[in-house]
Amino acid sequence: MHKHKTRKPASVSVPTARAKRLLTPVPPLRYSPPDMESAKVPSTIHAPEAGIPLMSDRAYILINVAPGQTSSVVRALSQIKEVKTIDPCWGKPDIIAVVEIPDQEALTQLVLKQLHSIEGITQTETHLVYKLAES
C-alpha cells in the first residue's frame, strides 16, 4: 500500500496593478432609445444607428481553469489588450471575461489563438453580444 504525500496548498499571488484595475469596474447600464419597445427593460446592449450593419463589439467569455491556475490565467488575460474585464468566480466558470473586438474574425483569432494558448485554461464558452434592431 502506497502512502500519498500531502501537498502544501499553492500560494496565491497578489494580482498585478493592471489585473486589479480590470477586476469588476462595472459601467452603468445603458438603456435602449425611448422609441424602442424594449426600452422598459434595462439593457447593456444598444440599438445600431440607421444604416449601420449589425456588428458586435463585445463578447462574454466564460473560462474554465485547471485547479490552482486561476491567478496565472488572470495575469495572462490582463496582458491582452482586447480583454476589458476579468472576474474570477466561485464555481463554473472560473473566470468571466469581457472582450471588445472589431469583428467576429478578430474574436475567433482571440479565442482560438490567444486564449487557448494560455496554460491553465481548460475550456472556454463565448457569448457574442449583438445589438437590437428596431422592430
Protein backbone atom coordinates (compact mmCIF):
# COMPACT_ATOMS: atom_id res chain seq x y z
CA MET A 1 0.00 0.00 0.00
CA HIS A 2 1.40 3.37 -1.02
CA LYS A 3 1.20 6.40 1.19
CA HIS A 4 0.11 9.54 -0.59
CA LYS A 5 2.19 12.61 0.01
CA THR A 6 0.23 15.60 1.17
CA ARG A 7 0.81 18.69 -0.88
CA LYS A 8 1.03 22.17 0.51
CA PRO A 9 -1.63 24.46 -0.91
CA ALA A 10 -0.36 26.59 -3.78
CA SER A 11 0.38 30.13 -2.76
CA VAL A 12 -1.88 32.73 -4.27
CA SER A 13 -0.07 35.74 -5.60
CA VAL A 14 -1.45 39.25 -5.46
CA PRO A 15 -2.70 40.42 -8.87
CA THR A 16 -0.66 42.99 -10.75
CA ALA A 17 -1.82 46.61 -10.82
CA ARG A 18 -3.22 46.08 -14.34
CA ALA A 19 -5.12 42.96 -13.24
CA LYS A 20 -6.51 44.80 -10.20
CA ARG A 21 -7.70 47.60 -12.45
CA LEU A 22 -9.55 45.10 -14.67
CA LEU A 23 -11.43 43.37 -11.88
CA THR A 24 -15.09 44.33 -11.89
CA PRO A 25 -15.16 48.03 -12.80
CA VAL A 26 -18.81 47.79 -13.84
CA PRO A 27 -20.02 50.58 -16.13
CA PRO A 28 -23.52 51.96 -15.60
CA LEU A 29 -26.34 50.30 -17.51
CA ARG A 30 -27.14 51.76 -20.89
CA TYR A 31 -30.75 51.93 -21.96
CA SER A 32 -32.29 51.42 -25.37
CA PRO A 33 -33.59 54.53 -27.11
CA PRO A 34 -37.01 55.68 -25.83
CA ASP A 35 -38.75 54.86 -29.11
CA MET A 36 -37.95 51.15 -28.79
CA GLU A 37 -40.45 48.75 -27.22
CA SER A 38 -37.67 47.14 -25.16
CA ALA A 39 -36.80 50.50 -23.55
CA LYS A 40 -38.74 49.45 -20.45
CA VAL A 41 -36.07 46.85 -19.65
CA PRO A 42 -32.53 47.95 -18.68
CA SER A 43 -30.03 46.62 -21.15
CA THR A 44 -26.31 46.59 -21.74
CA ILE A 45 -26.83 46.23 -25.47
CA HIS A 46 -27.82 49.13 -27.64
CA ALA A 47 -29.56 49.70 -30.93
CA PRO A 48 -27.46 50.46 -34.00
CA GLU A 49 -27.84 53.71 -35.86
CA ALA A 50 -29.90 53.51 -39.05
CA GLY A 51 -27.87 52.10 -41.93
CA ILE A 52 -25.12 50.67 -39.69
CA PRO A 53 -24.74 46.87 -40.05
CA LEU A 54 -25.45 44.73 -37.00
CA MET A 55 -21.93 44.00 -35.75
CA SER A 56 -20.80 43.03 -32.30
CA ASP A 57 -18.09 44.87 -30.48
CA ARG A 58 -18.21 42.86 -27.28
CA ALA A 59 -18.33 39.26 -26.10
CA TYR A 60 -18.50 37.47 -22.77
CA ILE A 61 -16.05 34.60 -22.47
CA LEU A 62 -16.65 32.04 -19.74
CA ILE A 63 -13.35 30.36 -18.88
CA ASN A 64 -12.76 27.12 -17.01
CA VAL A 65 -9.32 26.79 -15.44
CA ALA A 66 -7.26 23.88 -14.12
CA PRO A 67 -7.11 23.77 -10.30
CA GLY A 68 -4.58 26.20 -8.84
CA GLN A 69 -4.12 28.09 -12.13
CA THR A 70 -6.62 30.95 -11.74
CA SER A 71 -4.08 33.58 -10.66
CA SER A 72 -1.71 32.84 -13.52
CA VAL A 73 -4.56 32.83 -16.04
CA VAL A 74 -5.79 36.21 -14.72
CA ARG A 75 -2.26 37.59 -15.13
CA ALA A 76 -2.06 36.28 -18.70
CA LEU A 77 -5.51 37.66 -19.59
CA SER A 78 -4.56 41.07 -18.20
CA GLN A 79 -1.83 41.30 -20.84
CA ILE A 80 -4.31 41.03 -23.74
CA LYS A 81 -5.49 44.48 -24.86
CA GLU A 82 -8.92 43.26 -26.05
CA VAL A 83 -9.76 41.92 -22.58
CA LYS A 84 -11.58 44.70 -20.75
CA THR A 85 -12.73 42.98 -17.54
CA ILE A 86 -11.66 39.82 -15.74
CA ASP A 87 -13.88 38.42 -12.99
CA PRO A 88 -12.74 35.28 -11.14
CA CYS A 89 -15.82 33.42 -9.84
CA TRP A 90 -16.69 30.61 -7.44
CA GLY A 91 -17.95 27.53 -9.28
CA LYS A 92 -18.08 27.22 -13.03
CA PRO A 93 -16.98 29.14 -14.94
CA ASP A 94 -13.85 30.03 -13.01
CA ILE A 95 -13.43 33.36 -14.84
CA ILE A 96 -15.78 35.59 -16.81
CA ALA A 97 -14.00 37.95 -19.17
CA VAL A 98 -15.47 40.74 -21.28
CA VAL A 99 -13.65 41.43 -24.53
CA GLU A 100 -14.06 44.21 -27.08
CA ILE A 101 -13.29 43.26 -30.65
CA PRO A 102 -13.81 44.89 -34.07
CA ASP A 103 -15.49 41.88 -35.72
CA GLN A 104 -16.23 38.17 -35.49
CA GLU A 105 -12.98 37.17 -37.20
CA ALA A 106 -10.99 39.08 -34.57
CA LEU A 107 -12.97 37.26 -31.87
CA THR A 108 -12.20 33.90 -33.49
CA GLN A 109 -8.48 34.69 -33.56
CA LEU A 110 -8.53 35.98 -29.97
CA VAL A 111 -10.19 32.86 -28.60
CA LEU A 112 -8.54 30.18 -30.70
CA LYS A 113 -5.01 31.57 -30.89
CA GLN A 114 -4.52 33.69 -27.78
CA LEU A 115 -6.83 32.35 -25.07
CA HIS A 116 -6.50 28.66 -25.92
CA SER A 117 -2.71 29.00 -25.80
CA ILE A 118 -2.76 30.20 -22.16
CA GLU A 119 -1.54 27.45 -19.85
CA GLY A 120 -4.23 26.55 -17.33
CA ILE A 121 -7.28 27.31 -19.50
CA THR A 122 -9.15 24.05 -19.98
CA GLN A 123 -12.30 25.28 -21.74
CA THR A 124 -13.94 28.46 -22.99
CA GLU A 125 -17.53 29.35 -23.84
CA THR A 126 -18.03 32.52 -25.86
CA HIS A 127 -21.19 34.62 -25.93
CA LEU A 128 -21.20 37.25 -28.66
CA VAL A 129 -23.21 40.37 -27.81
CA TYR A 130 -25.50 41.61 -30.54
CA LYS A 131 -27.25 44.91 -30.94
CA LEU A 132 -31.02 45.06 -31.05
CA ALA A 133 -32.56 46.42 -34.22
CA GLU A 134 -35.73 48.47 -34.11
CA SER A 135 -38.83 46.33 -34.53
